[in-house]
Amino acid sequence: MKTKKVKVVGDSHEHLSLGLLSSKQSTLQIRKSFRLFKKKINLNLEDYSYPEGQKIDYNKSITTILKSSRIKLCPTAIEGKNNLNFSLFDLKRILI
């Protein structure tokens, strides 16, 4: 069966703050969510969302895991504006 291309944003398995977990625990949370999307709806994720999305909730190790898993972008929930120099893994939001 061919893999579907749908815009779905993944999240950690238990919606825990990945930045507060050990590297091993955060990797397990991320990988398990990927496996479930693939198993349940045959979907490979391209976009991700840090649970809670504040600076404490992610770090360079987590973005490295996501990049190695072929994630293309991961916005934060930090309020602010972006410019062309921003990483697609540190995107800010304008809250309305």
PDB file of N, CA and C in Angstrom:
ATOM      1  N   MET A   1       0.835  -1.173   0.000  1.00  0.00           N
ATOM      2  CA  MET A   1       0.000   0.000   0.000  1.00  0.00           C
ATOM      3  C   MET A   1       0.887   1.246   0.000  1.00  0.00           C
ATOM      4  N   LYS A   2       0.571   2.209  -0.807  1.00  0.00           N
ATOM      5  CA  LYS A   2       1.348   3.428  -0.909  1.00  0.00           C
ATOM      6  C   LYS A   2       1.082   4.341   0.297  1.00  0.00           C
ATOM      7  N   THR A   3       2.131   5.002   0.798  1.00  0.00           N
ATOM      8  CA  THR A   3       1.998   5.917   1.920  1.00  0.00           C
ATOM      9  C   THR A   3       1.294   7.190   1.482  1.00  0.00           C
ATOM     10  N   LYS A   4       0.348   7.639   2.290  1.00  0.00           N
ATOM     11  CA  LYS A   4      -0.433   8.837   1.994  1.00  0.00           C
ATOM     12  C   LYS A   4       0.359  10.087   2.332  1.00  0.00           C
ATOM     13  N   LYS A   5       0.153  11.163   1.591  1.00  0.00           N
ATOM     14  CA  LYS A   5       0.729  12.475   1.891  1.00  0.00           C
ATOM     15  C   LYS A   5      -0.394  13.385   2.344  1.00  0.00           C
ATOM     16  N   VAL A   6      -0.483  13.596   3.643  1.00  0.00           N
ATOM     17  CA  VAL A   6      -1.525  14.423   4.228  1.00  0.00           C
ATOM     18  C   VAL A   6      -0.840  15.364   5.209  1.00  0.00           C
ATOM     19  N   LYS A   7      -1.344  16.582   5.334  1.00  0.00           N
ATOM     20  CA  LYS A   7      -0.778  17.521   6.304  1.00  0.00           C
ATOM     21  C   LYS A   7      -1.363  17.237   7.683  1.00  0.00           C
ATOM     22  N   VAL A   8      -0.614  16.508   8.467  1.00  0.00           N
ATOM     23  CA  VAL A   8      -0.962  16.197   9.838  1.00  0.00           C
ATOM     24  C   VAL A   8       0.251  16.570  10.677  1.00  0.00           C
ATOM     25  N   VAL A   9       0.023  17.187  11.799  1.00  0.00           N
ATOM     26  CA  VAL A   9       1.124  17.567  12.672  1.00  0.00           C
ATOM     27  C   VAL A   9       1.191  16.584  13.823  1.00  0.00           C
ATOM     28  N   GLY A  10       2.338  15.946  13.977  1.00  0.00           N
ATOM     29  CA  GLY A  10       2.526  14.990  15.051  1.00  0.00           C
ATOM     30  C   GLY A  10       2.845  15.668  16.364  1.00  0.00           C
ATOM     31  N   ASP A  11       2.798  14.901  17.413  1.00  0.00           N
ATOM     32  CA  ASP A  11       3.070  15.374  18.761  1.00  0.00           C
ATOM     33  C   ASP A  11       3.641  14.169  19.499  1.00  0.00           C
ATOM     34  N   SER A  12       4.214  14.373  20.674  1.00  0.00           N
ATOM     35  CA  SER A  12       4.759  13.225  21.388  1.00  0.00           C
ATOM     36  C   SER A  12       3.633  12.272  21.785  1.00  0.00           C
ATOM     37  N   HIS A  13       3.983  11.050  22.083  1.00  0.00           N
ATOM     38  CA  HIS A  13       2.983  10.027  22.372  1.00  0.00           C
ATOM     39  C   HIS A  13       2.071  10.410  23.542  1.00  0.00           C
ATOM     40  N   GLU A  14       2.656  10.884  24.634  1.00  0.00           N
ATOM     41  CA  GLU A  14       1.859  11.198  25.818  1.00  0.00           C
ATOM     42  C   GLU A  14       1.736  12.703  26.075  1.00  0.00           C
ATOM     43  N   HIS A  15       2.088  13.517  25.113  1.00  0.00           N
ATOM     44  CA  HIS A  15       2.019  14.975  25.199  1.00  0.00           C
ATOM     45  C   HIS A  15       2.793  15.494  26.419  1.00  0.00           C
ATOM     46  N   LEU A  16       3.973  14.931  26.632  1.00  0.00           N
ATOM     47  CA  LEU A  16       4.839  15.364  27.729  1.00  0.00           C
ATOM     48  C   LEU A  16       5.825  16.400  27.214  1.00  0.00           C
ATOM     49  N   SER A  17       6.287  17.263  28.087  1.00  0.00           N
ATOM     50  CA  SER A  17       7.310  18.237  27.729  1.00  0.00           C
ATOM     51  C   SER A  17       8.606  17.490  27.427  1.00  0.00           C
ATOM     52  N   LEU A  18       8.994  17.461  26.171  1.00  0.00           N
ATOM     53  CA  LEU A  18      10.174  16.701  25.763  1.00  0.00           C
ATOM     54  C   LEU A  18      11.448  17.266  26.372  1.00  0.00           C
ATOM     55  N   GLY A  19      11.485  18.562  26.614  1.00  0.00           N
ATOM     56  CA  GLY A  19      12.661  19.195  27.197  1.00  0.00           C
ATOM     57  C   GLY A  19      12.906  18.815  28.642  1.00  0.00           C
ATOM     58  N   LEU A  20      11.903  18.283  29.309  1.00  0.00           N
ATOM     59  CA  LEU A  20      12.046  17.878  30.706  1.00  0.00           C
ATOM     60  C   LEU A  20      12.345  16.393  30.856  1.00  0.00           C
ATOM     61  N   LEU A  21      12.387  15.681  29.730  1.00  0.00           N
ATOM     62  CA  LEU A  21      12.675  14.241  29.749  1.00  0.00           C
ATOM     63  C   LEU A  21      14.140  13.992  29.410  1.00  0.00           C
ATOM     64  N   SER A  22      14.610  12.807  29.743  1.00  0.00           N
ATOM     65  CA  SER A  22      15.961  12.428  29.312  1.00  0.00           C
ATOM     66  C   SER A  22      15.949  12.268  27.794  1.00  0.00           C
ATOM     67  N   SER A  23      17.110  12.264  27.206  1.00  0.00           N
ATOM     68  CA  SER A  23      17.216  12.095  25.753  1.00  0.00           C
ATOM     69  C   SER A  23      16.572  10.778  25.319  1.00  0.00           C
ATOM     70  N   LYS A  24      16.797   9.732  26.093  1.00  0.00           N
ATOM     71  CA  LYS A  24      16.218   8.419  25.779  1.00  0.00           C
ATOM     72  C   LYS A  24      14.696   8.460  25.853  1.00  0.00           C
ATOM     73  N   GLN A  25      14.160   9.074  26.906  1.00  0.00           N
ATOM     74  CA  GLN A  25      12.706   9.151  27.070  1.00  0.00           C
ATOM     75  C   GLN A  25      12.059   9.990  25.967  1.00  0.00           C
ATOM     76  N   SER A  26      12.670  11.116  25.615  1.00  0.00           N
ATOM     77  CA  SER A  26      12.090  11.957  24.565  1.00  0.00           C
ATOM     78  C   SER A  26      12.140  11.247  23.218  1.00  0.00           C
ATOM     79  N   THR A  27      13.229  10.532  22.963  1.00  0.00           N
ATOM     80  CA  THR A  27      13.329   9.756  21.720  1.00  0.00           C
ATOM     81  C   THR A  27      12.219   8.713  21.657  1.00  0.00           C
ATOM     82  N   LEU A  28      11.979   8.024  22.768  1.00  0.00           N
ATOM     83  CA  LEU A  28      10.918   7.007  22.802  1.00  0.00           C
ATOM     84  C   LEU A  28       9.548   7.639  22.567  1.00  0.00           C
ATOM     85  N   GLN A  29       9.279   8.799  23.176  1.00  0.00           N
ATOM     86  CA  GLN A  29       7.999   9.492  22.979  1.00  0.00           C
ATOM     87  C   GLN A  29       7.789   9.872  21.514  1.00  0.00           C
ATOM     88  N   ILE A  30       8.825  10.397  20.887  1.00  0.00           N
ATOM     89  CA  ILE A  30       8.736  10.813  19.491  1.00  0.00           C
ATOM     90  C   ILE A  30       8.573   9.610  18.574  1.00  0.00           C
ATOM     91  N   ARG A  31       9.431   8.635  18.726  1.00  0.00           N
ATOM     92  CA  ARG A  31       9.393   7.452  17.849  1.00  0.00           C
ATOM     93  C   ARG A  31       8.078   6.683  17.978  1.00  0.00           C
ATOM     94  N   LYS A  32       7.556   6.577  19.204  1.00  0.00           N
ATOM     95  CA  LYS A  32       6.288   5.855  19.384  1.00  0.00           C
ATOM     96  C   LYS A  32       5.155   6.573  18.657  1.00  0.00           C
ATOM     97  N   SER A  33       5.135   7.903  18.730  1.00  0.00           N
ATOM     98  CA  SER A  33       4.084   8.632  18.011  1.00  0.00           C
ATOM     99  C   SER A  33       4.214   8.410  16.504  1.00  0.00           C
ATOM    100  N   PHE A  34       5.450   8.390  15.987  1.00  0.00           N
ATOM    101  CA  PHE A  34       5.660   8.118  14.561  1.00  0.00           C
ATOM    102  C   PHE A  34       5.137   6.734  14.178  1.00  0.00           C
ATOM    103  N   ARG A  35       5.482   5.739  15.000  1.00  0.00           N
ATOM    104  CA  ARG A  35       5.045   4.359  14.709  1.00  0.00           C
ATOM    105  C   ARG A  35       3.534   4.240  14.696  1.00  0.00           C
ATOM    106  N   LEU A  36       2.868   4.902  15.638  1.00  0.00           N
ATOM    107  CA  LEU A  36       1.410   4.811  15.705  1.00  0.00           C
ATOM    108  C   LEU A  36       0.747   5.475  14.497  1.00  0.00           C
ATOM    109  N   PHE A  37       1.258   6.632  14.055  1.00  0.00           N
ATOM    110  CA  PHE A  37       0.710   7.256  12.849  1.00  0.00           C
ATOM    111  C   PHE A  37       0.883   6.322  11.653  1.00  0.00           C
ATOM    112  N   LYS A  38       2.030   5.691  11.557  1.00  0.00           N
ATOM    113  CA  LYS A  38       2.296   4.786  10.433  1.00  0.00           C
ATOM    114  C   LYS A  38       1.402   3.545  10.522  1.00  0.00           C
ATOM    115  N   LYS A  39       1.313   2.962  11.707  1.00  0.00           N
ATOM    116  CA  LYS A  39       0.539   1.730  11.892  1.00  0.00           C
ATOM    117  C   LYS A  39      -0.968   1.951  11.740  1.00  0.00           C
ATOM    118  N   LYS A  40      -1.486   3.000  12.382  1.00  0.00           N
ATOM    119  CA  LYS A  40      -2.933   3.211  12.409  1.00  0.00           C
ATOM    120  C   LYS A  40      -3.500   3.800  11.119  1.00  0.00           C
ATOM    121  N   ILE A  41      -2.784   4.746  10.508  1.00  0.00           N
ATOM    122  CA  ILE A  41      -3.336   5.386   9.304  1.00  0.00           C
ATOM    123  C   ILE A  41      -2.338   5.440   8.147  1.00  0.00           C
ATOM    124  N   ASN A  42      -1.279   4.637   8.249  1.00  0.00           N
ATOM    125  CA  ASN A  42      -0.283   4.539   7.179  1.00  0.00           C
ATOM    126  C   ASN A  42       0.240   5.913   6.756  1.00  0.00           C
ATOM    127  N   LEU A  43       0.649   6.708   7.744  1.00  0.00           N
ATOM    128  CA  LEU A  43       1.076   8.070   7.488  1.00  0.00           C
ATOM    129  C   LEU A  43       2.477   8.322   8.023  1.00  0.00           C
ATOM    130  N   ASN A  44       3.340   8.854   7.174  1.00  0.00           N
ATOM    131  CA  ASN A  44       4.654   9.323   7.599  1.00  0.00           C
ATOM    132  C   ASN A  44       4.558  10.818   7.852  1.00  0.00           C
ATOM    133  N   LEU A  45       4.915  11.230   9.053  1.00  0.00           N
ATOM    134  CA  LEU A  45       4.810  12.646   9.418  1.00  0.00           C
ATOM    135  C   LEU A  45       5.913  13.474   8.779  1.00  0.00           C
ATOM    136  N   GLU A  46       5.570  14.722   8.426  1.00  0.00           N
ATOM    137  CA  GLU A  46       6.545  15.684   7.928  1.00  0.00           C
ATOM    138  C   GLU A  46       6.635  16.893   8.856  1.00  0.00           C
ATOM    139  N   ASP A  47       5.580  17.172   9.591  1.00  0.00           N
ATOM    140  CA  ASP A  47       5.521  18.309  10.502  1.00  0.00           C
ATOM    141  C   ASP A  47       5.281  17.790  11.917  1.00  0.00           C
ATOM    142  N   TYR A  48       5.780  18.520  12.880  1.00  0.00           N
ATOM    143  CA  TYR A  48       5.663  18.109  14.270  1.00  0.00           C
ATOM    144  C   TYR A  48       5.340  19.332  15.121  1.00  0.00           C
ATOM    145  N   SER A  49       4.906  19.120  16.328  1.00  0.00           N
ATOM    146  CA  SER A  49       4.626  20.220  17.245  1.00  0.00           C
ATOM    147  C   SER A  49       5.163  19.834  18.620  1.00  0.00           C
ATOM    148  N   TYR A  50       5.979  20.710  19.177  1.00  0.00           N
ATOM    149  CA  TYR A  50       6.492  20.437  20.530  1.00  0.00           C
ATOM    150  C   TYR A  50       5.330  20.501  21.519  1.00  0.00           C
ATOM    151  N   PRO A  51       5.130  19.466  22.348  1.00  0.00           N
ATOM    152  CA  PRO A  51       4.091  19.557  23.361  1.00  0.00           C
ATOM    153  C   PRO A  51       4.337  20.783  24.249  1.00  0.00           C
ATOM    154  N   GLU A  52       3.350  21.592  24.419  1.00  0.00           N
ATOM    155  CA  GLU A  52       3.362  22.854  25.157  1.00  0.00           C
ATOM    156  C   GLU A  52       4.101  23.948  24.394  1.00  0.00           C
ATOM    157  N   GLY A  53       5.197  23.642  23.727  1.00  0.00           N
ATOM    158  CA  GLY A  53       5.852  24.547  22.796  1.00  0.00           C
ATOM    159  C   GLY A  53       6.627  25.723  23.354  1.00  0.00           C
ATOM    160  N   GLN A  54       6.898  25.737  24.640  1.00  0.00           N
ATOM    161  CA  GLN A  54       7.703  26.817  25.220  1.00  0.00           C
ATOM    162  C   GLN A  54       9.189  26.429  25.183  1.00  0.00           C
ATOM    163  N   LYS A  55      10.055  27.372  25.445  1.00  0.00           N
ATOM    164  CA  LYS A  55      11.497  27.127  25.335  1.00  0.00           C
ATOM    165  C   LYS A  55      11.964  25.963  26.207  1.00  0.00           C
ATOM    166  N   ILE A  56      11.358  25.782  27.349  1.00  0.00           N
ATOM    167  CA  ILE A  56      11.729  24.693  28.252  1.00  0.00           C
ATOM    168  C   ILE A  56      11.304  23.320  27.702  1.00  0.00           C
ATOM    169  N   ASP A  57      10.398  23.308  26.727  1.00  0.00           N
ATOM    170  CA  ASP A  57       9.800  22.067  26.234  1.00  0.00           C
ATOM    171  C   ASP A  57      10.556  21.402  25.087  1.00  0.00           C
ATOM    172  N   TYR A  58      11.636  22.034  24.620  1.00  0.00           N
ATOM    173  CA  TYR A  58      12.441  21.427  23.562  1.00  0.00           C
ATOM    174  C   TYR A  58      13.866  21.946  23.654  1.00  0.00           C
ATOM    175  N   ASN A  59      14.768  21.274  22.965  1.00  0.00           N
ATOM    176  CA  ASN A  59      16.168  21.679  22.940  1.00  0.00           C
ATOM    177  C   ASN A  59      16.824  21.153  21.659  1.00  0.00           C
ATOM    178  N   LYS A  60      18.103  21.396  21.507  1.00  0.00           N
ATOM    179  CA  LYS A  60      18.821  21.013  20.289  1.00  0.00           C
ATOM    180  C   LYS A  60      18.785  19.491  20.068  1.00  0.00           C
ATOM    181  N   SER A  61      18.860  18.740  21.127  1.00  0.00           N
ATOM    182  CA  SER A  61      18.810  17.277  21.018  1.00  0.00           C
ATOM    183  C   SER A  61      17.477  16.822  20.412  1.00  0.00           C
ATOM    184  N   ILE A  62      16.397  17.455  20.832  1.00  0.00           N
ATOM    185  CA  ILE A  62      15.074  17.092  20.328  1.00  0.00           C
ATOM    186  C   ILE A  62      14.927  17.488  18.860  1.00  0.00           C
ATOM    187  N   THR A  63      15.408  18.674  18.503  1.00  0.00           N
ATOM    188  CA  THR A  63      15.318  19.068  17.094  1.00  0.00           C
ATOM    189  C   THR A  63      16.183  18.159  16.229  1.00  0.00           C
ATOM    190  N   THR A  64      17.301  17.679  16.757  1.00  0.00           N
ATOM    191  CA  THR A  64      18.148  16.738  16.015  1.00  0.00           C
ATOM    192  C   THR A  64      17.403  15.428  15.768  1.00  0.00           C
ATOM    193  N   ILE A  65      16.700  14.931  16.781  1.00  0.00           N
ATOM    194  CA  ILE A  65      15.906  13.705  16.625  1.00  0.00           C
ATOM    195  C   ILE A  65      14.846  13.910  15.547  1.00  0.00           C
ATOM    196  N   LEU A  66      14.150  15.038  15.596  1.00  0.00           N
ATOM    197  CA  LEU A  66      13.095  15.316  14.616  1.00  0.00           C
ATOM    198  C   LEU A  66      13.660  15.447  13.203  1.00  0.00           C
ATOM    199  N   LYS A  67      14.772  16.140  13.059  1.00  0.00           N
ATOM    200  CA  LYS A  67      15.391  16.292  11.735  1.00  0.00           C
ATOM    201  C   LYS A  67      15.838  14.943  11.181  1.00  0.00           C
ATOM    202  N   SER A  68      16.403  14.102  12.031  1.00  0.00           N
ATOM    203  CA  SER A  68      16.840  12.782  11.573  1.00  0.00           C
ATOM    204  C   SER A  68      15.665  11.879  11.233  1.00  0.00           C
ATOM    205  N   SER A  69      14.479  12.258  11.686  1.00  0.00           N
ATOM    206  CA  SER A  69      13.257  11.505  11.390  1.00  0.00           C
ATOM    207  C   SER A  69      12.497  12.106  10.208  1.00  0.00           C
ATOM    208  N   ARG A  70      13.152  12.973   9.480  1.00  0.00           N
ATOM    209  CA  ARG A  70      12.608  13.606   8.268  1.00  0.00           C
ATOM    210  C   ARG A  70      11.492  14.612   8.522  1.00  0.00           C
ATOM    211  N   ILE A  71      11.448  15.148   9.731  1.00  0.00           N
ATOM    212  CA  ILE A  71      10.502  16.227  10.019  1.00  0.00           C
ATOM    213  C   ILE A  71      11.044  17.494   9.364  1.00  0.00           C
ATOM    214  N   LYS A  72      10.167  18.244   8.697  1.00  0.00           N
ATOM    215  CA  LYS A  72      10.592  19.437   7.967  1.00  0.00           C
ATOM    216  C   LYS A  72      10.443  20.716   8.769  1.00  0.00           C
ATOM    217  N   LEU A  73       9.457  20.757   9.677  1.00  0.00           N
ATOM    218  CA  LEU A  73       9.297  21.944  10.512  1.00  0.00           C
ATOM    219  C   LEU A  73       8.589  21.590  11.801  1.00  0.00           C
ATOM    220  N   CYS A  74       8.852  22.427  12.799  1.00  0.00           N
ATOM    221  CA  CYS A  74       8.244  22.215  14.111  1.00  0.00           C
ATOM    222  C   CYS A  74       8.084  23.569  14.788  1.00  0.00           C
ATOM    223  N   PRO A  75       6.889  24.159  14.696  1.00  0.00           N
ATOM    224  CA  PRO A  75       6.681  25.469  15.306  1.00  0.00           C
ATOM    225  C   PRO A  75       6.631  25.378  16.831  1.00  0.00           C
ATOM    226  N   THR A  76       6.948  26.490  17.468  1.00  0.00           N
ATOM    227  CA  THR A  76       6.831  26.585  18.921  1.00  0.00           C
ATOM    228  C   THR A  76       5.479  27.221  19.258  1.00  0.00           C
ATOM    229  N   ALA A  77       5.232  27.420  20.525  1.00  0.00           N
ATOM    230  CA  ALA A  77       4.063  28.184  20.966  1.00  0.00           C
ATOM    231  C   ALA A  77       4.529  29.498  21.596  1.00  0.00           C
ATOM    232  N   ILE A  78       5.763  29.886  21.281  1.00  0.00           N
ATOM    233  CA  ILE A  78       6.332  31.120  21.800  1.00  0.00           C
ATOM    234  C   ILE A  78       5.821  32.278  20.948  1.00  0.00           C
ATOM    235  N   GLU A  79       5.328  33.302  21.616  1.00  0.00           N
ATOM    236  CA  GLU A  79       4.781  34.436  20.880  1.00  0.00           C
ATOM    237  C   GLU A  79       5.910  35.293  20.311  1.00  0.00           C
ATOM    238  N   GLY A  80       5.718  35.726  19.079  1.00  0.00           N
ATOM    239  CA  GLY A  80       6.699  36.599  18.458  1.00  0.00           C
ATOM    240  C   GLY A  80       6.626  36.535  16.948  1.00  0.00           C
ATOM    241  N   LYS A  81       7.507  37.312  16.317  1.00  0.00           N
ATOM    242  CA  LYS A  81       7.573  37.347  14.857  1.00  0.00           C
ATOM    243  C   LYS A  81       8.790  36.580  14.382  1.00  0.00           C
ATOM    244  N   ASN A  82       8.719  36.080  13.161  1.00  0.00           N
ATOM    245  CA  ASN A  82       9.817  35.351  12.538  1.00  0.00           C
ATOM    246  C   ASN A  82      10.426  36.195  11.428  1.00  0.00           C
ATOM    247  N   ASN A  83      11.629  35.839  11.039  1.00  0.00           N
ATOM    248  CA  ASN A  83      12.236  36.436   9.856  1.00  0.00           C
ATOM    249  C   ASN A  83      12.876  35.317   9.041  1.00  0.00           C
ATOM    250  N   LEU A  84      13.485  35.646   7.940  1.00  0.00           N
ATOM    251  CA  LEU A  84      14.045  34.637   7.041  1.00  0.00           C
ATOM    252  C   LEU A  84      15.195  33.847   7.668  1.00  0.00           C
ATOM    253  N   ASN A  85      15.784  34.357   8.725  1.00  0.00           N
ATOM    254  CA  ASN A  85      16.904  33.680   9.371  1.00  0.00           C
ATOM    255  C   ASN A  85      16.473  32.665  10.430  1.00  0.00           C
ATOM    256  N   PHE A  86      15.197  32.619  10.750  1.00  0.00           N
ATOM    257  CA  PHE A  86      14.706  31.697  11.763  1.00  0.00           C
ATOM    258  C   PHE A  86      14.749  30.259  11.249  1.00  0.00           C
ATOM    259  N   SER A  87      15.106  29.353  12.136  1.00  0.00           N
ATOM    260  CA  SER A  87      15.058  27.929  11.830  1.00  0.00           C
ATOM    261  C   SER A  87      13.604  27.484  11.770  1.00  0.00           C
ATOM    262  N   LEU A  88      13.305  26.533  10.908  1.00  0.00           N
ATOM    263  CA  LEU A  88      11.951  25.980  10.826  1.00  0.00           C
ATOM    264  C   LEU A  88      11.600  25.151  12.065  1.00  0.00           C
ATOM    265  N   PHE A  89      12.551  25.036  12.991  1.00  0.00           N
ATOM    266  CA  PHE A  89      12.327  24.305  14.239  1.00  0.00           C
ATOM    267  C   PHE A  89      12.249  25.269  15.443  1.00  0.00           C
ATOM    268  N   ASP A  90      12.225  26.572  15.160  1.00  0.00           N
ATOM    269  CA  ASP A  90      12.101  27.594  16.203  1.00  0.00           C
ATOM    270  C   ASP A  90      11.067  28.649  15.834  1.00  0.00           C
ATOM    271  N   LEU A  91      10.130  28.302  14.967  1.00  0.00           N
ATOM    272  CA  LEU A  91       9.144  29.271  14.513  1.00  0.00           C
ATOM    273  C   LEU A  91       8.261  29.759  15.653  1.00  0.00           C
ATOM    274  N   LYS A  92       8.069  31.050  15.708  1.00  0.00           N
ATOM    275  CA  LYS A  92       7.216  31.655  16.724  1.00  0.00           C
ATOM    276  C   LYS A  92       5.808  31.829  16.161  1.00  0.00           C
ATOM    277  N   ARG A  93       4.871  32.164  17.038  1.00  0.00           N
ATOM    278  CA  ARG A  93       3.475  32.378  16.625  1.00  0.00           C
ATOM    279  C   ARG A  93       2.997  33.750  17.063  1.00  0.00           C
ATOM    280  N   ILE A  94       2.057  34.266  16.342  1.00  0.00           N
ATOM    281  CA  ILE A  94       1.369  35.481  16.760  1.00  0.00           C
ATOM    282  C   ILE A  94       0.017  35.040  17.288  1.00  0.00           C
ATOM    283  N   LEU A  95      -0.176  35.236  18.564  1.00  0.00           N
ATOM    284  CA  LEU A  95      -1.411  34.789  19.207  1.00  0.00           C
ATOM    285  C   LEU A  95      -2.519  35.802  18.965  1.00  0.00           C
ATOM    286  N   ILE A  96      -3.680  35.304  18.641  1.00  0.00           N
ATOM    287  CA  ILE A  96      -4.838  36.176  18.361  1.00  0.00           C
ATOM    288  C   ILE A  96      -5.881  35.974  19.439  1.00  0.00           C
TER     289      ILE A  96
END
